Amino acid sequence: MPMMLPDAFFDRDAQLVACQLLGKVIRHRVNGLWLSARIIETEAYYLTDKGSHASLGYTDKRKALFLDGGHIYMYYARGGDSLNFSAHGPGNAVLIKSAHPWLDELAGPDSLAQMQRNNPDAKGNPRPEHKLCAGQTLLCKALGLKVREWDAKCFDPERLWVDDVREQPSKIIQTTRLGIPHGRDEHLMYRFVDADYAAYCTRNPLRRGQVEGRDFITLEHN
């Protein structure tokens, strides 16, 4: 039974929201198909965090970051679209870093095929499922999410929402965020990864050479 996350879910501390979004499913309806992906990697950001967009100050383009928890904030990154949700407190938010295609009674093989058409590989061929949403811009491309359409909007049960499908990670990996410039709080461990899907996220925090306690910590699911 689909269960849309209420705004109250998002109107909490950004790190808590980032952790608890793992295992939830983004649903986007396009031409009658529910394109769906399970969230496997997130990053938390705060107003006081030098790596955040909000730390640069309020602008009309960033207004969603300063609205109540549960607003959609989208921006362009590396030529693609990126999806964020506002959290509790002005300027605080969660970036959806990567996901994995999700199939069920709402999203069947036709939905997956459409996601693959939306996001082919460099040669125009269908991208493998595990690579289809393996990055913030790949995710948005596969799901057909656009800045111009969804930035500063609210969730819409008929078109875009996050579903609690009762899936929970057995373990969560907490580590540093990606792409944060030197001197802008790059050391903060605000990235969260579903350990079961670590190999399919933007950068595997469990790859060879990474040391637990130094490069990442493991959180047992409560």
Protein backbone atom coordinates (compact mmCIF):
# COMPACT_ATOMS: atom_id res chain seq x y z
CA MET A 1 0.00 0.00 0.00
CA PRO A 2 1.64 3.29 -1.07
CA MET A 3 2.32 5.73 1.75
CA MET A 4 3.38 9.27 0.89
CA LEU A 5 5.82 10.76 3.40
CA PRO A 6 4.22 13.79 5.09
CA ASP A 7 5.92 17.17 5.30
CA ALA A 8 6.50 16.47 9.00
CA PHE A 9 8.96 13.72 8.01
CA PHE A 10 11.17 16.32 6.33
CA ASP A 11 10.70 19.02 8.96
CA ARG A 12 13.41 17.49 11.18
CA ASP A 13 17.18 17.67 11.52
CA ALA A 14 18.83 17.30 8.10
CA GLN A 15 21.11 14.41 9.14
CA LEU A 16 18.17 12.48 10.59
CA VAL A 17 16.17 13.03 7.41
CA ALA A 18 19.16 12.02 5.28
CA CYS A 19 19.51 8.75 7.22
CA GLN A 20 15.84 7.91 7.21
CA LEU A 21 15.34 8.64 3.52
CA LEU A 22 17.51 5.62 2.72
CA GLY A 23 15.17 2.86 1.57
CA LYS A 24 12.38 5.27 0.63
CA VAL A 25 11.20 5.43 -2.99
CA ILE A 26 10.90 8.55 -5.17
CA ARG A 27 7.85 8.37 -7.46
CA HIS A 28 7.54 10.64 -10.51
CA ARG A 29 4.62 10.25 -12.88
CA VAL A 30 5.46 10.91 -16.53
CA ASN A 31 2.98 10.20 -19.34
CA GLY A 32 1.00 7.83 -17.16
CA LEU A 33 4.01 5.87 -15.90
CA TRP A 34 5.29 6.01 -12.34
CA LEU A 35 9.08 6.20 -12.67
CA SER A 36 10.44 4.99 -9.33
CA ALA A 37 13.81 4.69 -7.60
CA ARG A 38 14.88 3.60 -4.12
CA ILE A 39 17.12 6.15 -2.37
CA ILE A 40 20.52 4.63 -1.53
CA GLU A 41 22.75 7.69 -0.91
CA THR A 42 22.08 11.12 0.60
CA GLU A 43 23.99 14.15 1.88
CA ALA A 44 22.92 16.58 4.60
CA TYR A 45 23.59 20.32 4.42
CA TYR A 46 23.11 23.15 6.91
CA LEU A 47 22.95 26.93 6.72
CA THR A 48 26.09 27.22 8.86
CA ASP A 49 27.97 24.64 6.77
CA LYS A 50 30.42 26.28 4.36
CA GLY A 51 29.77 23.56 1.78
CA SER A 52 26.07 24.39 1.49
CA HIS A 53 24.36 26.61 -1.07
CA ALA A 54 22.45 28.30 1.74
CA SER A 55 25.70 29.49 3.35
CA LEU A 56 26.12 31.80 0.34
CA GLY A 57 22.99 33.68 1.41
CA TYR A 58 19.37 33.94 0.42
CA THR A 59 18.49 34.50 -3.23
CA ASP A 60 15.28 33.91 -5.11
CA LYS A 61 16.91 30.89 -6.74
CA ARG A 62 17.69 29.40 -3.33
CA LYS A 63 14.39 30.28 -1.67
CA ALA A 64 13.30 26.64 -1.36
CA LEU A 65 16.18 26.06 1.08
CA PHE A 66 14.65 28.65 3.40
CA LEU A 67 11.10 27.29 3.27
CA ASP A 68 9.58 24.75 5.65
CA GLY A 69 10.72 21.15 5.55
CA GLY A 70 9.36 19.21 2.59
CA HIS A 71 9.92 21.70 -0.21
CA ILE A 72 11.79 20.68 -3.35
CA TYR A 73 15.05 22.43 -4.17
CA MET A 74 16.60 21.69 -7.56
CA TYR A 75 19.68 23.15 -9.20
CA TYR A 76 22.04 22.47 -12.09
CA ALA A 77 25.26 20.55 -11.39
CA ARG A 78 27.78 19.51 -14.01
CA GLY A 79 25.27 20.10 -16.78
CA GLY A 80 22.48 18.11 -15.16
CA ASP A 81 19.64 18.50 -12.69
CA SER A 82 19.97 17.73 -8.96
CA LEU A 83 17.23 16.99 -6.43
CA ASN A 84 17.11 18.18 -2.81
CA PHE A 85 14.47 18.38 -0.08
CA SER A 86 14.38 21.13 2.53
CA ALA A 87 14.67 20.05 6.18
CA HIS A 88 13.97 21.71 9.51
CA GLY A 89 15.41 25.18 9.91
CA PRO A 90 16.19 27.87 7.32
CA GLY A 91 18.91 26.80 4.89
CA ASN A 92 19.00 23.13 5.87
CA ALA A 93 18.40 20.41 3.28
CA VAL A 94 19.16 16.91 2.02
CA LEU A 95 20.64 16.15 -1.40
CA ILE A 96 19.50 12.91 -3.04
CA LYS A 97 22.87 11.67 -4.24
CA SER A 98 21.94 8.36 -5.87
CA ALA A 99 19.24 5.71 -6.06
CA HIS A 100 18.42 2.33 -7.59
CA PRO A 101 15.49 1.51 -9.91
CA TRP A 102 12.48 0.20 -8.02
CA LEU A 103 9.85 -2.12 -9.49
CA ASP A 104 6.51 -2.99 -7.88
CA GLU A 105 2.77 -2.79 -8.57
CA LEU A 106 3.04 0.95 -9.34
CA ALA A 107 6.25 0.82 -11.37
CA GLY A 108 6.62 -2.18 -13.65
CA PRO A 109 8.86 -3.12 -16.58
CA ASP A 110 7.41 -0.31 -18.74
CA SER A 111 8.53 2.23 -16.14
CA LEU A 112 12.05 0.81 -16.08
CA ALA A 113 12.20 0.83 -19.88
CA GLN A 114 11.18 4.51 -19.88
CA MET A 115 13.88 5.34 -17.34
CA GLN A 116 16.43 3.64 -19.57
CA ARG A 117 15.21 5.64 -22.56
CA ASN A 118 15.50 8.81 -20.49
CA ASN A 119 19.08 8.03 -19.50
CA PRO A 120 20.95 5.98 -22.14
CA ASP A 121 24.69 5.44 -21.98
CA ALA A 122 27.22 7.41 -24.05
CA LYS A 123 26.58 5.19 -27.08
CA GLY A 124 22.81 5.52 -26.84
CA ASN A 125 22.32 2.02 -25.46
CA PRO A 126 20.20 1.15 -22.40
CA ARG A 127 22.18 1.87 -19.27
CA PRO A 128 22.44 -1.12 -16.86
CA GLU A 129 19.95 -0.94 -13.99
CA HIS A 130 22.62 -0.54 -11.30
CA LYS A 131 24.12 2.46 -13.16
CA LEU A 132 20.85 4.12 -14.13
CA CYS A 133 20.54 6.33 -11.02
CA ALA A 134 24.13 6.08 -9.73
CA GLY A 135 24.68 9.82 -9.26
CA GLN A 136 22.61 12.92 -8.58
CA THR A 137 22.27 14.02 -12.21
CA LEU A 138 21.82 10.48 -13.55
CA LEU A 139 19.00 9.99 -11.04
CA CYS A 140 17.16 13.10 -12.18
CA LYS A 141 17.66 12.23 -15.83
CA ALA A 142 16.30 8.71 -15.37
CA LEU A 143 13.28 9.96 -13.44
CA GLY A 144 12.65 12.88 -15.79
CA LEU A 145 13.02 15.50 -13.05
CA LYS A 146 13.78 19.05 -14.22
CA VAL A 147 14.80 22.20 -12.36
CA ARG A 148 12.42 24.39 -14.33
CA GLU A 149 9.46 22.20 -13.43
CA TRP A 150 10.02 21.29 -9.79
CA ASP A 151 12.31 23.83 -8.09
CA ALA A 152 10.62 25.44 -5.03
CA LYS A 153 7.53 23.27 -5.46
CA CYS A 154 5.75 21.04 -2.96
CA PHE A 155 5.15 17.33 -3.34
CA ASP A 156 2.13 16.39 -5.44
CA PRO A 157 0.43 13.00 -4.78
CA GLU A 158 -0.60 12.91 -8.44
CA ARG A 159 2.85 13.60 -9.84
CA LEU A 160 5.85 13.56 -7.46
CA TRP A 161 6.24 12.20 -3.94
CA VAL A 162 8.34 9.97 -1.70
CA ASP A 163 6.89 6.59 -0.78
CA ASP A 164 7.56 4.70 2.44
CA VAL A 165 7.71 1.16 1.07
CA ARG A 166 8.81 -0.28 4.42
CA GLU A 167 12.34 -0.96 3.20
CA GLN A 168 15.11 -0.28 5.72
CA PRO A 169 18.87 -0.62 5.33
CA SER A 170 20.43 -3.27 7.55
CA LYS A 171 23.42 -0.94 7.99
CA ILE A 172 24.16 2.66 7.07
CA ILE A 173 27.60 3.97 6.16
CA GLN A 174 28.35 7.51 7.32
CA THR A 175 31.22 9.30 5.61
CA THR A 176 32.34 12.61 4.12
CA ARG A 177 30.46 14.29 1.28
CA LEU A 178 31.70 14.41 -2.28
CA GLY A 179 32.81 17.41 -4.32
CA ILE A 180 33.20 19.81 -1.38
CA PRO A 181 36.06 22.26 -2.06
CA HIS A 182 39.00 22.37 0.33
CA GLY A 183 38.33 24.67 3.27
CA ARG A 184 34.54 24.46 2.98
CA ASP A 185 33.90 21.88 5.70
CA GLU A 186 34.85 18.97 3.48
CA HIS A 187 35.71 16.94 6.61
CA LEU A 188 32.13 16.74 7.88
CA MET A 189 30.65 13.25 7.77
CA TYR A 190 27.29 14.22 6.36
CA ARG A 191 26.99 11.57 3.62
CA PHE A 192 24.88 8.48 4.26
CA VAL A 193 24.88 5.29 2.17
CA ASP A 194 22.74 2.14 2.34
CA ALA A 195 25.46 -0.47 2.95
CA ASP A 196 23.64 -3.10 0.86
CA TYR A 197 23.84 -0.77 -2.17
CA ALA A 198 27.26 0.76 -1.48
CA ALA A 199 28.69 -0.58 -4.75
CA TYR A 200 26.01 1.28 -6.73
CA CYS A 201 26.29 4.77 -5.21
CA THR A 202 28.29 7.74 -6.53
CA ARG A 203 31.51 6.53 -4.89
CA ASN A 204 31.65 3.33 -2.89
CA PRO A 205 32.65 4.20 0.70
CA LEU A 206 33.60 0.55 1.24
CA ARG A 207 36.05 0.39 -1.67
CA ARG A 208 39.55 -0.98 -1.16
CA GLY A 209 41.76 1.26 0.95
CA GLN A 210 38.97 2.74 3.04
CA VAL A 211 39.36 2.19 6.78
CA GLU A 212 36.47 2.01 9.21
CA GLY A 213 36.83 4.54 12.00
CA ARG A 214 39.01 6.76 9.84
CA ASP A 215 37.22 7.12 6.50
CA PHE A 216 33.73 6.01 7.53
CA ILE A 217 31.66 4.70 10.40
CA THR A 218 28.93 2.07 10.34
CA LEU A 219 25.54 2.79 11.86
CA GLU A 220 23.38 -0.17 12.81
CA HIS A 221 19.76 0.35 11.91
CA ASN A 222 17.62 1.00 14.98
